[in-house]
């Protein structure tokens, strides 16, 4: 850190020398040199004042403790596990060299490992909680961290359960650690499940879509931590759909496990940023706030393209499926298949009564889809993988509207109306589709909610 003596040597002393030169030159016939010296002296004085101000700010910031919240340039408060506030600002900034290779929060163990020593730890994780090729649980155990239990979300700890399948609690065969399912009736940890732990760690790869239930699990875990006085550490990961924001904002009447918070379908935030927003906006029950710590990614930008190395769930196996998921998931409340029971779920859609355009598929019972829609029935449909020539920047409503038009009155198209409303986040979208409202008008109806959400979101961003 630059001190006052350095500032004096570099700026103030040269300034006084120039004042002496100015006096000697005042009566010189070389007026050009005289005026040049005046200009240079002014610049040196301004530089002196600026450096003194910067030095003062640095001294003040250096007095903060590691548990104080750091106010960033975007005017939000961030809790990051580190002992040096100057390092925290450096770590949470996104000025880096290779935006295509972000360093994950879980990988930055120097920021959180010391805080785990001598503590009893519970980890909320699944198959995506990897540090390189090793699972976070295995990595921490090898370093002597006392992991008491693991909480697993929908699809289970190893990610091999079907969507909506009940996953019971058990023992992990590899580590012997108790596994507690946070799906089904026990979506939120009970007080007795937290009584024997000191810190909760959350590390799950999200895909940035409201009805993807890992953020609902995060909400409930934060709520349980707030109610039971347990700190929670969120190890941040990039969002593969983090480059855009779109869709209707969830209305409170449609709150469910496929939509807990008033956010649009695609919200453009990492899991760490999302946790900050839930906490900062008092969205937990009874307006509680938990003791929240974020370990941020490094070398990540929202506009960065990020391809997942591990499938986040059984039916999101590819980059194409993750990209198409925000648009195709609305079909889940209709009679149209999105390819569950095939080797390419969420890359296509179809129905037995669609016209034959040359593309067919037949869903069967398989891993991740034990009882798929249209099981063992030939479906005619559309292969969407080749439509992804450019990155998606909005939800595509053409496919669901076209499907409604093609099927007409031959079938009950939206056969789960209540579920459709929960996925959409409102009752309006269903009526708009059934009534034939133009897409442009539908998107216009989303704008007020999106504009308001973007203002809220801006307060919690950790990355540009």
Protein backbone atom coordinates (compact mmCIF):
# COMPACT_ATOMS: atom_id res chain seq x y z
CA UNK A 1 0.00 0.00 0.00
CA UNK A 2 1.35 3.46 -0.87
CA UNK A 3 2.06 5.50 2.26
CA UNK A 4 2.19 9.25 2.86
CA UNK A 5 6.00 9.35 2.73
CA UNK A 6 6.03 7.89 -0.75
CA UNK A 7 3.42 10.42 -1.86
CA UNK A 8 5.53 13.24 -0.44
CA UNK A 9 8.66 12.09 -2.21
CA UNK A 10 6.94 11.61 -5.55
CA UNK A 11 4.70 14.66 -5.64
CA UNK A 12 4.92 17.25 -2.87
CA UNK A 13 8.71 17.68 -2.86
CA UNK A 14 8.94 18.08 -6.64
CA UNK A 15 6.13 20.59 -6.38
CA UNK A 16 8.05 22.77 -3.91
CA UNK A 17 11.11 22.62 -6.15
CA UNK A 18 9.08 23.93 -9.01
CA UNK A 19 7.76 26.78 -6.90
CA UNK A 20 11.38 27.84 -6.38
CA UNK A 21 12.06 27.52 -10.12
CA UNK A 22 8.96 29.56 -10.81
CA UNK A 23 10.29 32.39 -8.59
CA UNK A 24 13.63 32.36 -10.40
CA UNK A 25 11.96 32.34 -13.79
CA UNK A 26 9.37 34.97 -13.01
CA UNK A 27 11.79 37.70 -14.00
CA UNK A 28 13.26 35.71 -16.85
CA UNK A 29 12.71 36.77 -20.42
CA UNK A 30 11.77 33.20 -21.29
CA UNK A 31 8.01 33.57 -20.66
CA UNK A 32 7.20 30.35 -22.48
CA UNK A 33 9.15 28.31 -19.94
CA UNK A 34 7.56 30.31 -17.17
CA UNK A 35 4.00 29.47 -18.21
CA UNK A 36 4.94 25.87 -18.89
CA UNK A 37 6.22 25.54 -15.35
CA UNK A 38 2.96 26.95 -13.97
CA UNK A 39 0.95 24.36 -15.87
CA UNK A 40 3.18 21.52 -14.72
CA UNK A 41 2.99 22.63 -11.08
CA UNK A 42 -0.82 22.59 -11.21
CA UNK A 43 -0.81 19.03 -12.55
CA UNK A 44 1.54 17.86 -9.83
CA UNK A 45 -0.61 19.43 -7.12
CA UNK A 46 -3.74 17.77 -8.48
CA UNK A 47 -1.93 14.44 -8.57
CA UNK A 48 -0.88 14.90 -4.95
CA UNK A 49 -4.43 15.52 -3.80
CA UNK A 50 -5.76 12.51 -5.74
CA UNK A 51 -3.14 10.11 -4.37
CA UNK A 52 -3.73 11.29 -0.79
CA UNK A 53 -7.47 10.62 -1.19
CA UNK A 54 -6.86 7.15 -2.63
CA UNK A 55 -4.42 6.31 0.14
CA UNK A 56 -6.88 7.44 2.81
CA UNK A 57 -9.63 5.21 1.35
CA UNK A 58 -7.28 2.22 1.26
CA UNK A 59 -6.30 2.70 4.91
CA UNK A 60 -9.91 2.86 6.00
CA UNK A 61 -10.94 -0.21 4.02
CA UNK A 62 -8.01 -2.19 5.36
CA UNK A 63 -9.41 -1.88 8.90
CA UNK A 64 -12.47 -3.98 8.10
CA UNK A 65 -12.66 -7.49 9.58
CA UNK A 66 -13.24 -10.64 7.62
CA UNK A 67 -16.83 -10.93 8.84
CA UNK A 68 -17.91 -7.48 7.72
CA UNK A 69 -19.95 -7.21 4.54
CA UNK A 70 -18.08 -5.54 1.72
CA UNK A 71 -19.88 -2.83 -0.23
CA UNK A 72 -19.04 -3.26 -3.90
CA UNK A 73 -19.15 -0.74 -6.72
CA UNK A 74 -22.66 -1.91 -7.59
CA UNK A 75 -23.84 -0.92 -4.12
CA UNK A 76 -24.61 -4.41 -2.81
CA UNK A 77 -23.31 -6.13 0.29
CA UNK A 78 -21.46 -9.39 -0.19
CA UNK A 79 -20.22 -11.79 2.47
CA UNK A 80 -17.13 -13.62 1.25
CA UNK A 81 -14.95 -15.89 3.34
CA UNK A 82 -11.53 -14.21 3.38
CA UNK A 83 -9.39 -12.41 5.92
CA UNK A 84 -8.30 -9.45 3.81
CA UNK A 85 -10.84 -6.96 2.51
CA UNK A 86 -8.55 -5.81 -0.29
CA UNK A 87 -8.27 -9.41 -1.48
CA UNK A 88 -12.05 -9.78 -1.29
CA UNK A 89 -12.55 -6.91 -3.69
CA UNK A 90 -9.97 -8.43 -6.02
CA UNK A 91 -11.56 -11.87 -5.85
CA UNK A 92 -15.10 -10.63 -6.46
CA UNK A 93 -14.06 -8.49 -9.40
CA UNK A 94 -14.21 -10.02 -12.86
CA UNK A 95 -11.12 -8.60 -14.49
CA UNK A 96 -9.51 -11.68 -15.91
CA UNK A 97 -7.69 -13.15 -18.82
CA UNK A 98 -9.63 -16.20 -19.95
CA UNK A 99 -13.41 -15.81 -19.80
CA UNK A 100 -13.86 -19.30 -21.29
CA UNK A 101 -12.28 -21.05 -18.30
CA UNK A 102 -13.88 -19.78 -15.07
CA UNK A 103 -12.63 -20.96 -11.71
CA UNK A 104 -15.56 -22.36 -9.74
CA UNK A 105 -16.31 -21.39 -6.16
CA UNK A 106 -15.73 -24.97 -5.01
CA UNK A 107 -12.25 -24.91 -6.53
CA UNK A 108 -11.19 -21.80 -4.58
CA UNK A 109 -10.59 -23.70 -1.39
CA UNK A 110 -8.22 -21.08 0.01
CA UNK A 111 -11.29 -18.88 0.55
CA UNK A 112 -13.30 -21.29 2.69
CA UNK A 113 -11.31 -24.33 3.84
CA UNK A 114 -9.94 -22.68 7.01
CA UNK A 115 -13.49 -21.80 8.08
CA UNK A 116 -14.40 -25.51 8.10
CA UNK A 117 -11.64 -26.68 10.45
CA UNK A 118 -13.01 -28.17 13.64
CA UNK A 119 -16.59 -27.74 12.43
CA UNK A 120 -19.34 -30.26 11.76
CA UNK A 121 -20.38 -29.85 8.15
CA UNK A 122 -23.51 -30.68 6.16
CA UNK A 123 -23.28 -30.49 2.38
CA UNK A 124 -26.18 -29.93 -0.02
CA UNK A 125 -24.95 -31.50 -3.24
CA UNK A 126 -25.48 -33.93 -6.08
CA UNK A 127 -23.49 -35.41 -8.97
CA UNK A 128 -22.60 -31.92 -10.26
CA UNK A 129 -20.65 -30.98 -7.12
CA UNK A 130 -17.29 -31.69 -8.69
CA UNK A 131 -13.80 -30.24 -8.23
CA UNK A 132 -12.15 -31.36 -11.44
CA UNK A 133 -12.83 -35.09 -11.60
CA UNK A 134 -13.36 -35.53 -7.87
CA UNK A 135 -16.58 -34.97 -5.95
CA UNK A 136 -16.56 -32.15 -3.40
CA UNK A 137 -17.47 -34.55 -0.61
CA UNK A 138 -14.52 -36.83 -1.40
CA UNK A 139 -12.17 -33.85 -1.73
CA UNK A 140 -13.12 -32.31 1.62
CA UNK A 141 -13.01 -35.64 3.43
CA UNK A 142 -9.49 -36.26 2.11
CA UNK A 143 -8.49 -32.92 3.64
CA UNK A 144 -9.85 -33.88 7.05
CA UNK A 145 -13.11 -31.93 6.95
CA UNK A 146 -15.75 -33.47 9.23
CA UNK A 147 -18.74 -34.04 6.94
CA UNK A 148 -21.61 -35.22 9.14
CA UNK A 149 -24.29 -35.62 6.46
CA UNK A 150 -25.24 -34.85 2.89
CA UNK A 151 -28.57 -33.35 1.80
CA UNK A 152 -29.57 -34.29 -1.75
CA UNK A 153 -32.13 -32.51 -4.00
CA UNK A 154 -34.51 -33.86 -6.67
CA UNK A 155 -32.89 -36.73 -8.66
CA UNK A 156 -30.84 -37.77 -5.63
CA UNK A 157 -27.20 -37.50 -4.58
CA UNK A 158 -25.90 -39.40 -7.60
CA UNK A 159 -28.45 -37.78 -9.96
CA UNK A 160 -30.00 -41.06 -11.11
CA UNK A 161 -33.62 -40.63 -9.98
CA UNK A 162 -36.45 -39.79 -12.36
CA UNK A 163 -38.12 -36.35 -12.36
CA UNK A 164 -40.60 -36.26 -9.50
CA UNK A 165 -39.48 -39.66 -8.19
CA UNK A 166 -39.53 -40.08 -4.44
CA UNK A 167 -35.98 -40.44 -3.13
CA UNK A 168 -35.55 -41.83 0.33
CA UNK A 169 -32.78 -41.20 2.83
CA UNK A 170 -29.95 -43.72 2.94
CA UNK A 171 -26.20 -44.17 3.42
CA UNK A 172 -23.71 -43.32 0.68
CA UNK A 173 -21.96 -46.59 -0.14
CA UNK A 174 -18.66 -44.94 -1.06
CA UNK A 175 -18.20 -42.72 2.00
CA UNK A 176 -20.59 -44.12 4.60
CA UNK A 177 -22.07 -40.66 5.10
CA UNK A 178 -25.83 -40.42 5.80
CA UNK A 179 -27.80 -39.09 2.84
CA UNK A 180 -30.95 -37.07 3.56
CA UNK A 181 -33.32 -36.43 0.68
CA UNK A 182 -34.70 -32.91 0.29
CA UNK A 183 -37.46 -33.98 -2.07
CA UNK A 184 -40.97 -35.20 -1.44
CA UNK A 185 -42.37 -34.41 1.99
CA UNK A 186 -38.99 -33.34 3.41
CA UNK A 187 -38.14 -30.45 1.07
CA UNK A 188 -36.79 -28.38 3.94
CA UNK A 189 -34.32 -29.64 6.58
CA UNK A 190 -35.95 -30.25 9.95
CA UNK A 191 -34.45 -28.61 13.06
CA UNK A 192 -33.27 -31.99 14.34
CA UNK A 193 -31.46 -32.58 11.03
CA UNK A 194 -29.45 -29.40 11.62
CA UNK A 195 -28.93 -29.77 15.37
CA UNK A 196 -25.67 -31.69 15.06
CA UNK A 197 -23.98 -29.50 12.43
CA UNK A 198 -22.21 -26.12 12.54
CA UNK A 199 -22.09 -25.04 8.87
CA UNK A 200 -24.10 -25.91 5.76
CA UNK A 201 -22.39 -25.86 2.34
CA UNK A 202 -24.49 -25.60 -0.83
CA UNK A 203 -22.82 -26.66 -4.09
CA UNK A 204 -25.16 -27.64 -6.95
CA UNK A 205 -24.98 -26.72 -10.62
CA UNK A 206 -28.01 -24.67 -11.67
CA UNK A 207 -29.27 -23.96 -15.21
CA UNK A 208 -30.82 -20.54 -14.52
CA UNK A 209 -34.49 -21.46 -15.03
CA UNK A 210 -37.17 -20.80 -12.42
CA UNK A 211 -38.91 -24.17 -12.59
CA UNK A 212 -35.64 -26.10 -12.24
CA UNK A 213 -36.09 -27.13 -8.62
CA UNK A 214 -32.53 -26.78 -7.32
CA UNK A 215 -33.16 -23.09 -6.56
CA UNK A 216 -36.27 -24.09 -4.59
CA UNK A 217 -34.08 -26.44 -2.56
CA UNK A 218 -31.68 -23.54 -2.00
CA UNK A 219 -34.57 -21.36 -0.80
CA UNK A 220 -35.71 -23.96 1.74
CA UNK A 221 -32.17 -24.68 2.98
CA UNK A 222 -31.54 -20.96 3.50
CA UNK A 223 -34.83 -20.70 5.35
CA UNK A 224 -33.96 -23.62 7.63
CA UNK A 225 -30.53 -22.12 8.32
CA UNK A 226 -32.12 -18.77 9.20
CA UNK A 227 -34.59 -20.41 11.57
CA UNK A 228 -31.94 -22.53 13.29
CA UNK A 229 -29.06 -20.05 13.40
CA UNK A 230 -26.77 -22.00 11.08
CA UNK A 231 -24.47 -20.22 8.59
CA UNK A 232 -24.62 -21.33 4.96
CA UNK A 233 -21.79 -21.17 2.44
CA UNK A 234 -22.80 -21.12 -1.24
CA UNK A 235 -20.03 -22.22 -3.61
CA UNK A 236 -20.90 -20.35 -6.78
CA UNK A 237 -21.03 -21.85 -10.28
CA UNK A 238 -21.62 -20.25 -13.71
CA UNK A 239 -25.10 -20.19 -15.22
CA UNK A 240 -25.29 -21.69 -18.76
CA UNK A 241 -28.39 -19.54 -19.36
CA UNK A 242 -26.99 -16.52 -17.52
CA UNK A 243 -26.71 -14.27 -20.58
CA UNK A 244 -30.39 -13.27 -20.80
CA UNK A 245 -33.58 -12.60 -18.83
CA UNK A 246 -37.05 -13.49 -20.10
CA UNK A 247 -40.53 -14.77 -19.31
CA UNK A 248 -43.36 -13.77 -16.99
CA UNK A 249 -42.45 -13.01 -13.38
CA UNK A 250 -43.94 -15.45 -10.87
CA UNK A 251 -47.11 -14.22 -9.18
CA UNK A 252 -47.56 -15.09 -5.51
CA UNK A 253 -50.72 -17.10 -6.23
CA UNK A 254 -48.66 -19.56 -8.30
CA UNK A 255 -45.93 -20.19 -5.73
CA UNK A 256 -44.89 -23.85 -5.62
CA UNK A 257 -41.78 -26.03 -5.66
CA UNK A 258 -41.42 -25.26 -9.39
CA UNK A 259 -41.43 -21.55 -8.55
CA UNK A 260 -40.72 -20.18 -5.07
CA UNK A 261 -39.71 -16.57 -5.69
CA UNK A 262 -40.99 -13.62 -7.80
CA UNK A 263 -38.52 -14.04 -10.66
CA UNK A 264 -39.01 -14.59 -14.42
CA UNK A 265 -38.61 -18.00 -16.05
CA UNK A 266 -35.03 -17.10 -17.08
CA UNK A 267 -33.45 -14.83 -14.47
CA UNK A 268 -29.83 -14.40 -15.62
CA UNK A 269 -28.06 -14.93 -12.29
CA UNK A 270 -25.65 -17.45 -10.81
CA UNK A 271 -26.74 -19.50 -7.84
CA UNK A 272 -24.66 -17.25 -5.57
CA UNK A 273 -26.25 -14.08 -6.91
CA UNK A 274 -29.66 -15.69 -6.58
CA UNK A 275 -28.99 -16.54 -2.92
CA UNK A 276 -27.97 -12.94 -2.25
CA UNK A 277 -31.22 -11.72 -3.80
CA UNK A 278 -33.41 -14.12 -1.82
CA UNK A 279 -31.69 -13.04 1.38
CA UNK A 280 -31.52 -9.32 0.56
CA UNK A 281 -35.14 -9.04 -0.56
CA UNK A 282 -36.43 -10.86 2.57
CA UNK A 283 -38.12 -13.58 0.50
CA UNK A 284 -37.63 -16.23 3.19
CA UNK A 285 -40.62 -16.96 5.43
CA UNK A 286 -41.36 -14.34 8.08
CA UNK A 287 -38.87 -12.04 6.25
CA UNK A 288 -35.96 -13.89 7.84
CA UNK A 289 -32.36 -13.54 6.70
CA UNK A 290 -29.71 -16.21 7.05
CA UNK A 291 -26.00 -15.86 7.76
CA UNK A 292 -24.95 -16.19 4.13
CA UNK A 293 -21.44 -16.49 2.70
CA UNK A 294 -20.68 -16.60 -1.02
CA UNK A 295 -17.51 -18.04 -2.53
CA UNK A 296 -17.59 -16.43 -5.99
CA UNK A 297 -16.34 -17.76 -9.29
CA UNK A 298 -13.30 -16.17 -10.88
CA UNK A 299 -12.93 -15.32 -14.56
CA UNK A 300 -16.68 -15.45 -15.21
CA UNK A 301 -18.95 -13.02 -17.06
CA UNK A 302 -22.69 -13.31 -17.60
CA UNK A 303 -22.17 -13.19 -21.33
CA UNK A 304 -19.61 -16.01 -21.15
CA UNK A 305 -20.61 -19.24 -22.83
CA UNK A 306 -20.35 -22.04 -20.27
CA UNK A 307 -20.77 -25.70 -21.21
CA UNK A 308 -21.43 -28.06 -18.31
CA UNK A 309 -19.05 -30.99 -17.89
CA UNK A 310 -21.61 -33.01 -15.90
CA UNK A 311 -25.30 -33.39 -16.79
CA UNK A 312 -27.24 -31.51 -14.08
CA UNK A 313 -30.15 -34.00 -14.23
CA UNK A 314 -31.08 -37.16 -16.17
CA UNK A 315 -33.07 -35.37 -18.87
CA UNK A 316 -30.77 -32.38 -19.40
CA UNK A 317 -27.87 -34.26 -20.91
CA UNK A 318 -26.55 -31.84 -23.51
CA UNK A 319 -25.85 -28.19 -24.13
CA UNK A 320 -28.74 -28.16 -26.63
CA UNK A 321 -31.20 -29.53 -24.06
CA UNK A 322 -30.15 -26.95 -21.45
CA UNK A 323 -30.59 -24.17 -24.03
CA UNK A 324 -34.03 -25.40 -25.15
CA UNK A 325 -35.31 -26.23 -21.66
CA UNK A 326 -36.78 -22.77 -20.82
CA UNK A 327 -38.97 -22.91 -23.96
CA UNK A 328 -39.89 -26.61 -24.01
CA UNK A 329 -40.68 -27.17 -20.33
CA UNK A 330 -44.10 -25.53 -20.77
CA UNK A 331 -45.01 -28.60 -22.87
CA UNK A 332 -44.76 -30.68 -19.67
CA UNK A 333 -48.31 -29.62 -18.77
CA UNK A 334 -49.66 -30.59 -22.20
CA UNK A 335 -50.25 -33.80 -24.19
CA UNK A 336 -47.09 -33.13 -26.25
CA UNK A 337 -43.91 -35.11 -25.56
CA UNK A 338 -40.54 -33.34 -25.20
CA UNK A 339 -38.63 -36.55 -25.78
CA UNK A 340 -38.52 -38.02 -22.29
CA UNK A 341 -37.93 -41.72 -22.84
CA UNK A 342 -35.63 -41.11 -25.81
CA UNK A 343 -31.89 -40.59 -26.01
CA UNK A 344 -32.44 -36.86 -26.69
CA UNK A 345 -34.88 -35.38 -24.16
CA UNK A 346 -35.57 -31.63 -24.47
CA UNK A 347 -34.03 -31.52 -27.94
CA UNK A 348 -37.28 -32.36 -29.74
CA UNK A 349 -41.05 -32.47 -29.33
CA UNK A 350 -43.90 -34.37 -30.89
CA UNK A 351 -47.30 -36.02 -30.65
CA UNK A 352 -49.00 -39.09 -32.19
CA UNK A 353 -51.46 -36.79 -34.00
CA UNK A 354 -48.91 -34.36 -35.43
CA UNK A 355 -48.53 -34.50 -39.22
CA UNK A 356 -45.68 -36.65 -40.52
CA UNK A 357 -42.90 -34.22 -41.50
CA UNK A 358 -40.26 -36.93 -41.69
CA UNK A 359 -39.13 -36.96 -38.05
CA UNK A 360 -40.44 -39.57 -35.62
CA UNK A 361 -39.59 -40.98 -32.20
CA UNK A 362 -41.04 -43.52 -29.78
CA UNK A 363 -40.62 -42.92 -26.03
CA UNK A 364 -39.79 -45.98 -23.95
CA UNK A 365 -39.21 -46.62 -20.26
CA UNK A 366 -35.54 -45.94 -19.53
CA UNK A 367 -33.07 -44.28 -17.19
CA UNK A 368 -34.50 -40.93 -16.08
CA UNK A 369 -37.93 -41.66 -17.57
CA UNK A 370 -39.54 -44.76 -16.10
CA UNK A 371 -43.05 -43.85 -17.35
CA UNK A 372 -42.66 -41.28 -20.13
CA UNK A 373 -45.51 -39.53 -21.88
CA UNK A 374 -46.64 -41.45 -25.03
CA UNK A 375 -44.75 -44.53 -23.86
CA UNK A 376 -44.34 -47.07 -26.70
CA UNK A 377 -46.37 -44.86 -29.05
CA UNK A 378 -44.96 -43.55 -32.33
CA UNK A 379 -44.80 -39.74 -32.28
CA UNK A 380 -44.38 -37.38 -35.20
CA UNK A 381 -42.56 -34.22 -34.39
CA UNK A 382 -39.76 -31.76 -34.77
CA UNK A 383 -36.02 -32.03 -34.16
CA UNK A 384 -34.86 -28.70 -32.69
CA UNK A 385 -31.14 -29.32 -32.34
CA UNK A 386 -30.41 -27.90 -35.78
CA UNK A 387 -32.28 -24.69 -34.92
CA UNK A 388 -29.56 -23.67 -32.44
CA UNK A 389 -27.25 -21.91 -34.85
CA UNK A 390 -27.08 -18.88 -32.55
CA UNK A 391 -27.38 -18.40 -28.81
CA UNK A 392 -30.92 -18.03 -27.49
CA UNK A 393 -31.77 -14.66 -26.01
CA UNK A 394 -35.47 -15.21 -25.40
CA UNK A 395 -38.03 -17.92 -24.73
CA UNK A 396 -39.45 -19.30 -27.97
CA UNK A 397 -43.26 -19.37 -27.85
CA UNK A 398 -43.65 -20.33 -31.51
CA UNK A 399 -43.36 -24.04 -30.81
CA UNK A 400 -46.09 -24.31 -28.17
CA UNK A 401 -48.44 -21.99 -30.07
CA UNK A 402 -47.89 -23.91 -33.31
CA UNK A 403 -48.54 -27.20 -31.52
CA UNK A 404 -51.85 -25.85 -30.23
CA UNK A 405 -52.85 -24.80 -33.76
CA UNK A 406 -51.85 -28.13 -35.33
CA UNK A 407 -53.73 -30.26 -32.79
CA UNK A 408 -56.77 -27.97 -32.81
CA UNK A 409 -59.72 -29.46 -30.96
CA UNK A 410 -58.69 -33.07 -31.60
CA UNK A 411 -57.16 -33.34 -28.11
CA UNK A 412 -57.25 -31.54 -24.81
CA UNK A 413 -53.99 -29.69 -25.48
CA UNK A 414 -53.22 -28.24 -22.00
CA UNK A 415 -54.42 -31.20 -20.00
CA UNK A 416 -52.85 -30.04 -16.70
CA UNK A 417 -54.02 -26.41 -16.50
CA UNK A 418 -53.05 -25.85 -12.86
CA UNK A 419 -49.56 -27.24 -13.45
CA UNK A 420 -49.20 -25.11 -16.58
CA UNK A 421 -49.98 -21.99 -14.53
CA UNK A 422 -47.37 -22.94 -11.94
CA UNK A 423 -44.75 -23.41 -14.67
CA UNK A 424 -45.69 -20.13 -16.36
CA UNK A 425 -45.93 -18.30 -13.05
CA UNK A 426 -49.32 -16.81 -13.84
CA UNK A 427 -52.77 -17.68 -15.19
CA UNK A 428 -52.53 -15.20 -18.04
CA UNK A 429 -50.15 -17.07 -20.36
CA UNK A 430 -52.42 -20.10 -20.63
CA UNK A 431 -55.38 -17.94 -21.60
CA UNK A 432 -53.25 -15.99 -24.08
CA UNK A 433 -52.15 -19.18 -25.83
CA UNK A 434 -55.63 -20.69 -25.91
CA UNK A 435 -57.13 -17.42 -27.17
CA UNK A 436 -54.60 -16.97 -29.95
CA UNK A 437 -53.03 -13.75 -28.63
CA UNK A 438 -50.08 -12.74 -30.88
CA UNK A 439 -46.62 -13.47 -29.48
CA UNK A 440 -45.67 -9.80 -29.65
CA UNK A 441 -48.58 -8.89 -27.36
CA UNK A 442 -47.76 -11.74 -24.98
CA UNK A 443 -44.19 -10.50 -24.68
CA UNK A 444 -45.42 -6.93 -24.16
CA UNK A 445 -47.47 -8.14 -21.18
CA UNK A 446 -44.26 -9.43 -19.56
CA UNK A 447 -42.39 -6.14 -19.84
CA UNK A 448 -43.51 -4.33 -16.63
CA UNK A 449 -42.60 -7.31 -14.47
CA UNK A 450 -39.29 -7.84 -16.23
CA UNK A 451 -38.33 -4.17 -15.93
CA UNK A 452 -38.99 -4.23 -12.20
CA UNK A 453 -37.11 -7.50 -11.73
CA UNK A 454 -34.07 -6.17 -13.60
CA UNK A 455 -33.83 -3.30 -11.12
CA UNK A 456 -33.90 -5.74 -8.20
CA UNK A 457 -31.43 -8.11 -9.89
CA UNK A 458 -28.91 -5.34 -10.50
CA UNK A 459 -28.37 -4.89 -6.75
CA UNK A 460 -27.07 -8.43 -6.30
CA UNK A 461 -24.83 -9.06 -9.28
CA UNK A 462 -21.32 -10.29 -8.53
CA UNK A 463 -20.23 -10.41 -12.16
CA UNK A 464 -20.51 -8.10 -15.16
